Amino acid sequence: MTLIDLGERTGPTDPERPRRRGPSGSRWLWAALVALVALLILAGAAPPAPRMHAILPSSLAAQVHLTGDQILTVVPVREVTDGSQELLAYRRPERATGSPQRLTPLWRMPVAPDYRVDTADRVDGSGLVLSLVGAESEVETLLLDSRTGQLRWRKPGAAMLDASGRVILERSDGRGLITLAVVELASGRELWSVPSKASWASYHKREGVVDAIVLSGAAGAVEVLDPETGALRDTILAIGDVSRGYQHAWVIGDLILARNVTGVVAYDIDGLVRRWQTAGSPVEWIAPCGALLCARDIDGDAHMLDPATGAIRWSFLDDLDILRAGDRRALVADYRISRGLQVATVDAGTGRIAADDGTWDLVHEVDHASYVLGTRPIPNVGVVLARLDPAHAQPRRIDMLPGATGNCTYREDLIACRRQDGDFGVWQLRD
């Protein structure tokens, strides 16, 4: 895809005209303009309007995580060179101020060298669940007291949380296969554990609770487990070449989408009734995109599928990634440019580029929304924050974050960005 910058529109340039002396009243107009400019300058120098914002002392090697009412950072221990680091917890800013507040830690906890926090979630009032990943991809999950940082329990595996009062843990055996275990959230007591021949797990939730676990891998079959007991509930046998079989299965809505050598087969999660099957190039991945499904085949072509029938609504052949999609438009991104991310809007009817939305740095999100946030730097000032939404014809500016340089993440109504001085700034998003 080639995007051409046409520059800004300007009006026609008039030929130079001879100067004419204005009437004496124009001097009063000039004086009024000077006074207006002076007022604007004074207004610009006025203290900024109060807002909820803060500064977190940090370093260039730090991570930041937002958990609703707390902000977590993982930073190297000062004056130590052995890789030691620690987790610091801060309370989110609670009042609007004219200048950023300097937050102080509520508590701190040591983190092993070469480990990073992958996910952080508040649970059960005062609980904080962390999943940590080591240098060799080993993963462990911790439950902490969010008020004090005290460790309640620690288990191997990555956490899947729901509203059931239990935690599903995925453990890798080092050969690409996983073992599933379920523990009580409050105590960490193991309820059941099942080894598998699968390399991927996907989950179906109903009213916030996991009610089916779908396992898939290179063995050929897709298995559905009961999350209460770990017992095998259903099996989807491979179709066609069993030696190659299914490579992956996704749960999207109330469908199990199983990829095989001929395409994708869709099944109802309840009863495994086959709904539809695609044909053509094998699919590399498939994901929800608004009311449709986004799929990319092994040839690199992107398709928007009707989840009810599997029919292709529209396609485009450019090497672009789909960010979000609606009924009429989709946001796509071109990662091939050297700086920033080129974002464009694609027309759903034709698959053609309808608008060039410009270059943006995308904000990392924890909770999936129907839109994405992007930033654009203003040197020595900060970043402009905009909302990019396929429901709208162009990006909409929603905020200005002074002192920020990028590397932003947001969750709920908070956004955290790297600052020019190396610290992190935190702002409450404007409505």
Protein backbone atom coordinates (compact mmCIF):
# COMPACT_ATOMS: atom_id res chain seq x y z
CA MET A 1 0.00 0.00 0.00
CA THR A 2 1.32 3.41 -0.94
CA LEU A 3 0.10 6.37 1.07
CA ILE A 4 0.81 9.82 -0.35
CA ASP A 5 1.06 12.83 1.92
CA LEU A 6 -0.70 15.62 0.08
CA GLY A 7 0.25 18.20 2.65
CA GLU A 8 -2.16 20.77 4.03
CA ARG A 9 -4.70 22.55 1.90
CA THR A 10 -4.01 26.22 1.24
CA GLY A 11 -6.00 28.85 -0.55
CA PRO A 12 -4.89 30.40 -3.82
CA THR A 13 -2.13 32.96 -3.58
CA ASP A 14 -3.08 36.42 -4.71
CA PRO A 15 -0.58 38.37 -6.81
CA GLU A 16 1.22 41.14 -5.01
CA ARG A 17 -0.88 44.27 -4.83
CA PRO A 18 0.27 47.86 -4.27
CA ARG A 19 0.06 48.92 -0.61
CA ARG A 20 -2.61 51.42 0.28
CA ARG A 21 -2.62 53.61 3.38
CA GLY A 22 -5.60 52.77 5.54
CA PRO A 23 -7.78 55.28 7.29
CA SER A 24 -6.75 56.62 10.66
CA GLY A 25 -9.27 54.32 12.34
CA SER A 26 -7.12 51.33 11.38
CA ARG A 27 -4.63 52.35 14.06
CA TRP A 28 -7.29 51.68 16.67
CA LEU A 29 -7.96 48.29 15.08
CA TRP A 30 -4.25 47.52 15.25
CA ALA A 31 -4.15 48.51 18.92
CA ALA A 32 -7.12 46.25 19.61
CA LEU A 33 -5.37 43.33 17.91
CA VAL A 34 -2.23 43.90 19.98
CA ALA A 35 -4.31 43.93 23.15
CA LEU A 36 -6.05 40.70 22.11
CA VAL A 37 -2.70 38.99 21.50
CA ALA A 38 -1.50 40.16 24.92
CA LEU A 39 -4.59 38.70 26.55
CA LEU A 40 -4.04 35.39 24.79
CA ILE A 41 -0.44 35.31 25.98
CA LEU A 42 -1.51 36.03 29.54
CA ALA A 43 -4.16 33.33 29.31
CA GLY A 44 -1.53 30.89 28.08
CA ALA A 45 0.66 31.74 31.06
CA ALA A 46 -2.17 31.13 33.53
CA PRO A 47 -1.92 28.06 35.77
CA PRO A 48 -3.23 24.89 34.07
CA ALA A 49 -6.70 23.71 34.97
CA PRO A 50 -6.70 21.17 37.82
CA ARG A 51 -6.84 17.52 36.80
CA MET A 52 -6.01 14.09 38.20
CA HIS A 53 -2.37 13.48 37.32
CA ALA A 54 0.83 12.32 38.99
CA ILE A 55 4.49 11.44 38.48
CA LEU A 56 6.03 8.07 39.36
CA PRO A 57 9.79 8.13 40.03
CA SER A 58 11.14 5.52 37.66
CA SER A 59 13.95 4.50 35.30
CA LEU A 60 14.34 3.61 31.64
CA ALA A 61 14.21 -0.10 32.53
CA ALA A 62 10.92 0.17 34.46
CA GLN A 63 7.57 -1.43 33.69
CA VAL A 64 4.21 0.03 34.67
CA HIS A 65 0.87 -1.73 35.23
CA LEU A 66 -2.54 -0.26 36.02
CA THR A 67 -5.00 -2.17 38.21
CA GLY A 68 -7.83 0.29 38.73
CA ASP A 69 -7.14 1.83 42.15
CA GLN A 70 -3.40 1.09 42.14
CA ILE A 71 -0.40 1.69 39.89
CA LEU A 72 2.45 -0.84 39.90
CA THR A 73 6.02 -0.36 38.68
CA VAL A 74 8.89 -2.83 38.49
CA VAL A 75 12.21 -0.97 38.75
CA PRO A 76 15.87 -1.93 39.25
CA VAL A 77 17.11 -1.63 42.83
CA ARG A 78 19.24 1.50 43.10
CA GLU A 79 23.00 1.21 43.55
CA VAL A 80 22.88 -2.54 42.87
CA THR A 81 24.35 -4.09 39.70
CA ASP A 82 23.32 -7.75 40.03
CA GLY A 83 19.97 -7.33 38.27
CA SER A 84 17.93 -7.05 41.46
CA GLN A 85 14.58 -5.33 41.03
CA GLU A 86 11.49 -4.60 43.07
CA LEU A 87 7.78 -4.11 42.63
CA LEU A 88 6.38 -0.84 43.98
CA ALA A 89 2.68 -0.19 44.51
CA TYR A 90 1.16 3.31 44.45
CA ARG A 91 -2.35 4.52 45.15
CA ARG A 92 -3.88 6.26 42.15
CA PRO A 93 -4.18 10.06 42.41
CA GLU A 94 -7.34 10.91 44.29
CA ARG A 95 -7.71 14.65 43.75
CA ALA A 96 -7.35 17.17 40.95
CA THR A 97 -4.32 19.47 41.17
CA GLY A 98 -2.76 22.16 39.01
CA SER A 99 0.66 20.47 38.94
CA PRO A 100 1.42 16.73 38.93
CA GLN A 101 1.47 15.00 42.30
CA ARG A 102 4.58 13.08 43.34
CA LEU A 103 3.38 9.67 44.50
CA THR A 104 5.11 7.65 47.21
CA PRO A 105 4.99 3.82 47.40
CA LEU A 106 2.45 2.09 49.61
CA TRP A 107 4.68 -1.00 49.76
CA ARG A 108 7.46 -2.75 47.85
CA MET A 109 8.34 -6.37 47.11
CA PRO A 110 11.52 -7.92 45.66
CA VAL A 111 11.28 -9.45 42.16
CA ALA A 112 13.83 -12.02 40.97
CA PRO A 113 16.33 -10.86 38.31
CA ASP A 114 15.26 -11.48 34.70
CA TYR A 115 11.61 -11.70 35.69
CA ARG A 116 8.93 -9.32 34.44
CA VAL A 117 5.30 -8.82 35.41
CA ASP A 118 3.13 -10.03 32.54
CA THR A 119 -0.34 -9.34 34.00
CA ALA A 120 -1.65 -7.66 37.14
CA ASP A 121 -5.31 -7.77 38.23
CA ARG A 122 -7.26 -6.74 41.31
CA VAL A 123 -9.54 -9.48 42.67
CA ASP A 124 -11.73 -10.19 45.67
CA GLY A 125 -11.60 -6.73 47.21
CA SER A 126 -8.05 -6.68 48.55
CA GLY A 127 -6.39 -9.32 46.38
CA LEU A 128 -3.79 -8.67 43.67
CA VAL A 129 -2.99 -11.46 41.18
CA LEU A 130 0.34 -11.21 39.34
CA SER A 131 1.71 -13.45 36.60
CA LEU A 132 5.51 -13.24 36.30
CA VAL A 133 7.54 -14.51 33.33
CA GLY A 134 11.21 -15.50 33.62
CA ALA A 135 14.04 -15.44 31.10
CA GLU A 136 13.40 -19.08 30.13
CA SER A 137 9.67 -18.40 29.68
CA GLU A 138 8.83 -20.04 32.98
CA VAL A 139 5.67 -18.49 34.46
CA GLU A 140 4.40 -18.27 38.01
CA THR A 141 1.30 -16.68 39.55
CA LEU A 142 1.17 -14.89 42.90
CA LEU A 143 -1.70 -13.69 45.04
CA LEU A 144 -0.76 -10.65 47.14
CA ASP A 145 -2.59 -8.51 49.65
CA SER A 146 -2.99 -5.26 47.70
CA ARG A 147 -2.93 -3.22 50.91
CA THR A 148 0.38 -4.52 52.24
CA GLY A 149 2.06 -6.57 49.49
CA GLN A 150 2.05 -9.65 51.73
CA LEU A 151 2.28 -12.92 49.75
CA ARG A 152 -0.76 -15.20 50.18
CA TRP A 153 0.26 -17.95 47.75
CA ARG A 154 2.54 -18.67 44.79
CA LYS A 155 1.94 -21.31 42.08
CA PRO A 156 3.59 -22.25 38.76
CA GLY A 157 1.64 -21.33 35.64
CA ALA A 158 -0.10 -18.38 33.98
CA ALA A 159 -3.44 -17.30 35.42
CA MET A 160 -6.86 -17.19 33.78
CA LEU A 161 -9.30 -15.36 36.05
CA ASP A 162 -13.08 -15.34 36.13
CA ALA A 163 -15.85 -14.59 38.62
CA SER A 164 -16.04 -18.13 40.01
CA GLY A 165 -13.63 -17.76 42.94
CA ARG A 166 -11.08 -20.03 41.26
CA VAL A 167 -7.98 -19.51 39.11
CA ILE A 168 -7.10 -21.64 36.07
CA LEU A 169 -3.33 -22.07 35.72
CA GLU A 170 -1.59 -23.04 32.46
CA ARG A 171 1.78 -24.75 32.97
CA SER A 172 4.19 -25.65 30.19
CA ASP A 173 6.17 -28.88 30.34
CA GLY A 174 9.08 -27.44 28.33
CA ARG A 175 8.12 -29.42 25.19
CA GLY A 176 5.33 -27.10 24.09
CA LEU A 177 2.58 -29.06 25.84
CA ILE A 178 0.51 -27.68 28.70
CA THR A 179 -0.87 -28.93 31.98
CA LEU A 180 -3.98 -27.29 33.38
CA ALA A 181 -4.62 -26.85 37.09
CA VAL A 182 -7.42 -25.11 38.94
CA VAL A 183 -6.88 -23.62 42.42
CA GLU A 184 -9.07 -21.78 44.89
CA LEU A 185 -8.45 -18.07 44.65
CA ALA A 186 -8.64 -17.44 48.40
CA SER A 187 -6.34 -20.26 49.56
CA GLY A 188 -4.38 -21.49 46.52
CA ARG A 189 -5.57 -25.05 47.24
CA GLU A 190 -5.46 -27.18 44.08
CA LEU A 191 -8.85 -28.53 43.02
CA TRP A 192 -7.75 -30.55 40.00
CA SER A 193 -4.87 -30.92 37.55
CA VAL A 194 -4.85 -32.48 34.06
CA PRO A 195 -1.87 -33.08 31.73
CA SER A 196 -2.66 -32.78 28.04
CA LYS A 197 -1.28 -33.27 24.55
CA ALA A 198 -2.36 -29.74 23.64
CA SER A 199 -0.24 -26.62 23.17
CA TRP A 200 -3.05 -24.07 23.30
CA ALA A 201 -6.02 -23.42 25.59
CA SER A 202 -8.98 -21.17 24.88
CA TYR A 203 -11.89 -20.38 27.19
CA HIS A 204 -15.62 -19.80 26.88
CA LYS A 205 -17.24 -17.55 29.47
CA ARG A 206 -20.90 -17.25 30.34
CA GLU A 207 -21.89 -14.38 32.66
CA GLY A 208 -18.25 -13.84 33.60
CA VAL A 209 -17.53 -17.48 34.52
CA VAL A 210 -15.53 -19.98 32.43
CA ASP A 211 -17.89 -22.83 31.53
CA ALA A 212 -15.76 -24.62 28.91
CA ILE A 213 -12.02 -25.08 28.28
CA VAL A 214 -11.00 -25.84 24.69
CA LEU A 215 -7.63 -27.52 24.08
CA SER A 216 -5.95 -27.83 20.71
CA GLY A 217 -2.58 -28.74 19.27
CA ALA A 218 -0.87 -30.77 16.57
CA ALA A 219 -2.27 -34.12 17.72
CA GLY A 220 -5.35 -33.83 15.52
CA ALA A 221 -8.29 -33.56 17.94
CA VAL A 222 -9.81 -30.61 19.77
CA GLU A 223 -10.92 -31.38 23.33
CA VAL A 224 -13.47 -29.61 25.50
CA LEU A 225 -12.99 -29.90 29.27
CA ASP A 226 -15.36 -29.24 32.17
CA PRO A 227 -13.78 -26.44 34.27
CA GLU A 228 -15.40 -27.74 37.45
CA THR A 229 -13.66 -31.13 37.35
CA GLY A 230 -11.21 -31.18 34.43
CA ALA A 231 -13.14 -34.10 32.91
CA LEU A 232 -13.29 -34.50 29.13
CA ARG A 233 -16.70 -33.29 27.95
CA ASP A 234 -16.46 -33.43 24.14
CA THR A 235 -13.99 -34.17 21.34
CA ILE A 236 -13.80 -32.79 17.81
CA LEU A 237 -11.99 -35.29 15.62
CA ALA A 238 -9.71 -34.14 12.83
CA ILE A 239 -11.12 -33.89 9.32
CA GLY A 240 -8.98 -34.83 6.34
CA ASP A 241 -5.26 -35.51 6.80
CA VAL A 242 -5.02 -36.69 10.42
CA SER A 243 -1.22 -36.52 10.34
CA ARG A 244 -1.49 -32.74 9.94
CA GLY A 245 -4.85 -32.42 11.69
CA TYR A 246 -5.97 -29.35 13.58
CA GLN A 247 -3.29 -26.90 14.51
CA HIS A 248 -5.33 -24.44 16.49
CA ALA A 249 -8.80 -23.73 17.86
CA TRP A 250 -10.25 -20.44 19.06
CA VAL A 251 -13.33 -19.66 21.12
CA ILE A 252 -15.06 -16.53 19.82
CA GLY A 253 -18.53 -15.75 21.10
CA ASP A 254 -20.43 -19.03 21.25
CA LEU A 255 -18.35 -20.64 18.50
CA ILE A 256 -15.36 -22.98 18.48
CA LEU A 257 -13.37 -22.16 15.35
CA ALA A 258 -11.09 -25.08 14.53
CA ARG A 259 -8.37 -24.59 11.92
CA ASN A 260 -7.38 -27.53 9.73
CA VAL A 261 -5.59 -28.03 6.41
CA THR A 262 -8.67 -27.06 4.37
CA GLY A 263 -9.80 -23.97 6.24
CA VAL A 264 -11.86 -23.27 9.35
CA VAL A 265 -14.77 -25.29 10.77
CA ALA A 266 -17.18 -23.54 13.15
CA TYR A 267 -19.02 -25.42 15.91
CA ASP A 268 -21.55 -24.32 18.51
CA ILE A 269 -19.95 -24.39 21.95
CA ASP A 270 -23.07 -26.21 23.20
CA GLY A 271 -23.34 -29.66 21.66
CA LEU A 272 -20.60 -29.09 19.06
CA VAL A 273 -23.10 -28.77 16.22
CA ARG A 274 -21.25 -27.84 13.03
CA ARG A 275 -22.34 -24.42 11.77
CA TRP A 276 -20.17 -23.77 8.70
CA GLN A 277 -16.83 -24.46 7.04
CA THR A 278 -14.57 -22.30 4.89
CA ALA A 279 -12.54 -23.44 1.90
CA GLY A 280 -9.39 -22.09 0.34
CA SER A 281 -6.01 -21.19 1.78
CA PRO A 282 -5.44 -22.39 5.37
CA VAL A 283 -6.04 -19.69 7.97
CA GLU A 284 -3.09 -18.43 9.99
CA TRP A 285 -5.19 -16.76 12.70
CA ILE A 286 -8.73 -15.61 13.37
CA ALA A 287 -10.00 -13.05 15.88
CA PRO A 288 -13.14 -11.07 16.77
CA CYS A 289 -13.53 -7.74 14.92
CA GLY A 290 -16.64 -5.99 16.14
CA ALA A 291 -19.64 -7.83 14.74
CA LEU A 292 -17.45 -9.75 12.28
CA LEU A 293 -14.47 -12.12 12.37
CA CYS A 294 -11.02 -11.09 11.13
CA ALA A 295 -9.00 -13.85 9.50
CA ARG A 296 -5.63 -13.90 7.77
CA ASP A 297 -4.62 -16.79 5.55
CA ILE A 298 -1.13 -18.18 5.02
CA ASP A 299 -0.81 -16.11 1.83
CA GLY A 300 -1.10 -12.93 3.89
CA ASP A 301 -4.56 -11.92 2.64
CA ALA A 302 -7.01 -10.52 5.20
CA HIS A 303 -10.71 -11.42 5.20
CA MET A 304 -13.76 -10.29 7.16
CA LEU A 305 -16.10 -13.22 7.83
CA ASP A 306 -19.76 -13.36 8.80
CA PRO A 307 -19.82 -15.30 12.11
CA ALA A 308 -23.25 -16.73 11.28
CA THR A 309 -22.27 -18.29 7.95
CA GLY A 310 -18.50 -18.02 7.48
CA ALA A 311 -19.08 -16.11 4.25
CA ILE A 312 -16.45 -13.54 3.31
CA ARG A 313 -17.96 -10.06 3.59
CA TRP A 314 -14.88 -8.41 2.04
CA SER A 315 -11.13 -8.86 1.67
CA PHE A 316 -8.01 -6.89 0.96
CA LEU A 317 -4.63 -8.09 -0.22
CA ASP A 318 -2.27 -5.48 1.24
CA ASP A 319 0.15 -6.56 3.94
CA LEU A 320 -1.74 -4.75 6.69
CA ASP A 321 -2.90 -5.64 10.18
CA ILE A 322 -6.54 -5.16 11.15
CA LEU A 323 -6.82 -3.12 14.35
CA ARG A 324 -10.61 -2.79 14.67
CA ALA A 325 -13.58 -3.38 12.41
CA GLY A 326 -17.17 -2.25 12.28
CA ASP A 327 -20.04 -2.89 9.91
CA ARG A 328 -18.93 -0.26 7.38
CA ARG A 329 -15.25 0.43 8.03
CA ALA A 330 -12.10 -1.12 9.47
CA LEU A 331 -8.96 0.41 10.92
CA VAL A 332 -5.79 -1.11 9.52
CA ALA A 333 -2.11 -0.55 10.34
CA ASP A 334 1.05 -0.70 8.27
CA TYR A 335 4.05 -1.70 10.41
CA ARG A 336 6.51 -1.50 7.54
CA ILE A 337 7.35 2.18 7.93
CA SER A 338 10.43 3.06 9.95
CA ARG A 339 8.86 5.39 12.52
CA GLY A 340 5.43 5.23 14.10
CA LEU A 341 2.51 3.34 12.68
CA GLN A 342 0.65 4.29 9.55
CA VAL A 343 -3.09 3.94 10.21
CA ALA A 344 -5.78 3.97 7.54
CA THR A 345 -9.50 3.38 7.27
CA VAL A 346 -10.69 0.69 4.87
CA ASP A 347 -14.15 0.71 3.31
CA ALA A 348 -15.97 -2.52 4.17
CA GLY A 349 -17.82 -2.61 0.88
CA THR A 350 -14.77 -2.52 -1.37
CA GLY A 351 -11.76 -3.33 0.82
CA ARG A 352 -10.08 -0.17 -0.48
CA ILE A 353 -8.38 2.55 1.54
CA ALA A 354 -11.02 5.20 2.26
CA ALA A 355 -8.91 7.57 4.40
CA ASP A 356 -5.32 8.03 5.50
CA ASP A 357 -5.48 8.56 9.27
CA GLY A 358 -1.80 9.46 9.60
CA THR A 359 1.06 8.13 11.68
CA TRP A 360 0.39 7.20 15.33
CA ASP A 361 2.03 5.35 18.19
CA LEU A 362 -0.61 2.96 19.50
CA VAL A 363 -1.32 2.93 23.23
CA HIS A 364 -1.08 -0.49 24.88
CA GLU A 365 -4.45 -1.57 26.23
CA VAL A 366 -5.36 -4.10 28.89
CA ASP A 367 -9.12 -4.22 28.35
CA HIS A 368 -10.21 -4.63 24.72
CA ALA A 369 -12.39 -1.76 23.45
CA SER A 370 -14.11 -1.05 20.13
CA TYR A 371 -11.52 1.65 19.40
CA VAL A 372 -7.79 2.20 19.89
CA LEU A 373 -5.89 5.14 21.35
CA GLY A 374 -2.92 6.67 19.60
CA THR A 375 -0.35 9.32 20.51
CA ARG A 376 1.61 11.77 18.41
CA PRO A 377 4.58 13.65 19.93
CA ILE A 378 4.96 17.42 20.01
CA PRO A 379 8.67 18.11 20.68
CA ASN A 380 9.39 19.75 24.03
CA VAL A 381 5.67 19.85 24.84
CA GLY A 382 4.19 16.34 25.21
CA VAL A 383 1.94 14.08 23.21
CA VAL A 384 -1.46 14.48 21.64
CA LEU A 385 -3.83 11.64 22.53
CA ALA A 386 -6.45 10.66 19.97
CA ARG A 387 -9.19 8.08 19.66
CA LEU A 388 -9.14 6.03 16.45
CA ASP A 389 -12.48 4.40 15.84
CA PRO A 390 -13.85 2.69 12.70
CA ALA A 391 -17.24 4.21 13.55
CA HIS A 392 -15.85 7.69 12.84
CA ALA A 393 -14.39 9.10 9.66
CA GLN A 394 -11.17 10.41 11.23
CA PRO A 395 -9.14 10.33 14.48
CA ARG A 396 -10.61 12.45 17.27
CA ARG A 397 -8.27 14.32 19.60
CA ILE A 398 -9.28 13.73 23.22
CA ASP A 399 -6.38 15.01 25.33
CA MET A 400 -2.95 16.59 25.58
CA LEU A 401 -0.45 14.95 27.95
CA PRO A 402 2.25 17.49 28.86
CA GLY A 403 5.77 16.17 29.33
CA ALA A 404 4.97 12.73 27.89
CA THR A 405 7.02 11.15 25.10
CA GLY A 406 5.07 7.94 24.41
CA ASN A 407 5.32 4.29 25.51
CA CYS A 408 1.82 4.58 26.94
CA THR A 409 -0.58 2.06 28.44
CA TYR A 410 -4.16 2.55 29.60
CA ARG A 411 -6.81 0.76 31.58
CA GLU A 412 -10.30 1.95 32.45
CA ASP A 413 -9.90 5.73 32.96
CA LEU A 414 -6.12 5.94 33.59
CA ILE A 415 -3.26 6.30 31.13
CA ALA A 416 0.45 6.06 31.98
CA CYS A 417 3.20 7.30 29.64
CA ARG A 418 6.97 7.69 29.71
CA ARG A 419 8.03 11.27 30.41
CA GLN A 420 10.87 13.28 28.96
CA ASP A 421 12.83 12.98 32.24
CA GLY A 422 12.57 9.15 32.24
CA ASP A 423 9.86 8.93 34.91
CA PHE A 424 6.29 7.82 34.24
CA GLY A 425 3.36 10.21 34.18
CA VAL A 426 -0.17 9.10 35.03
CA TRP A 427 -3.27 10.97 33.92
CA GLN A 428 -6.98 10.41 34.36
CA LEU A 429 -8.46 10.39 30.87
CA ARG A 430 -10.74 13.26 30.02
CA ASP A 431 -14.33 12.46 29.10
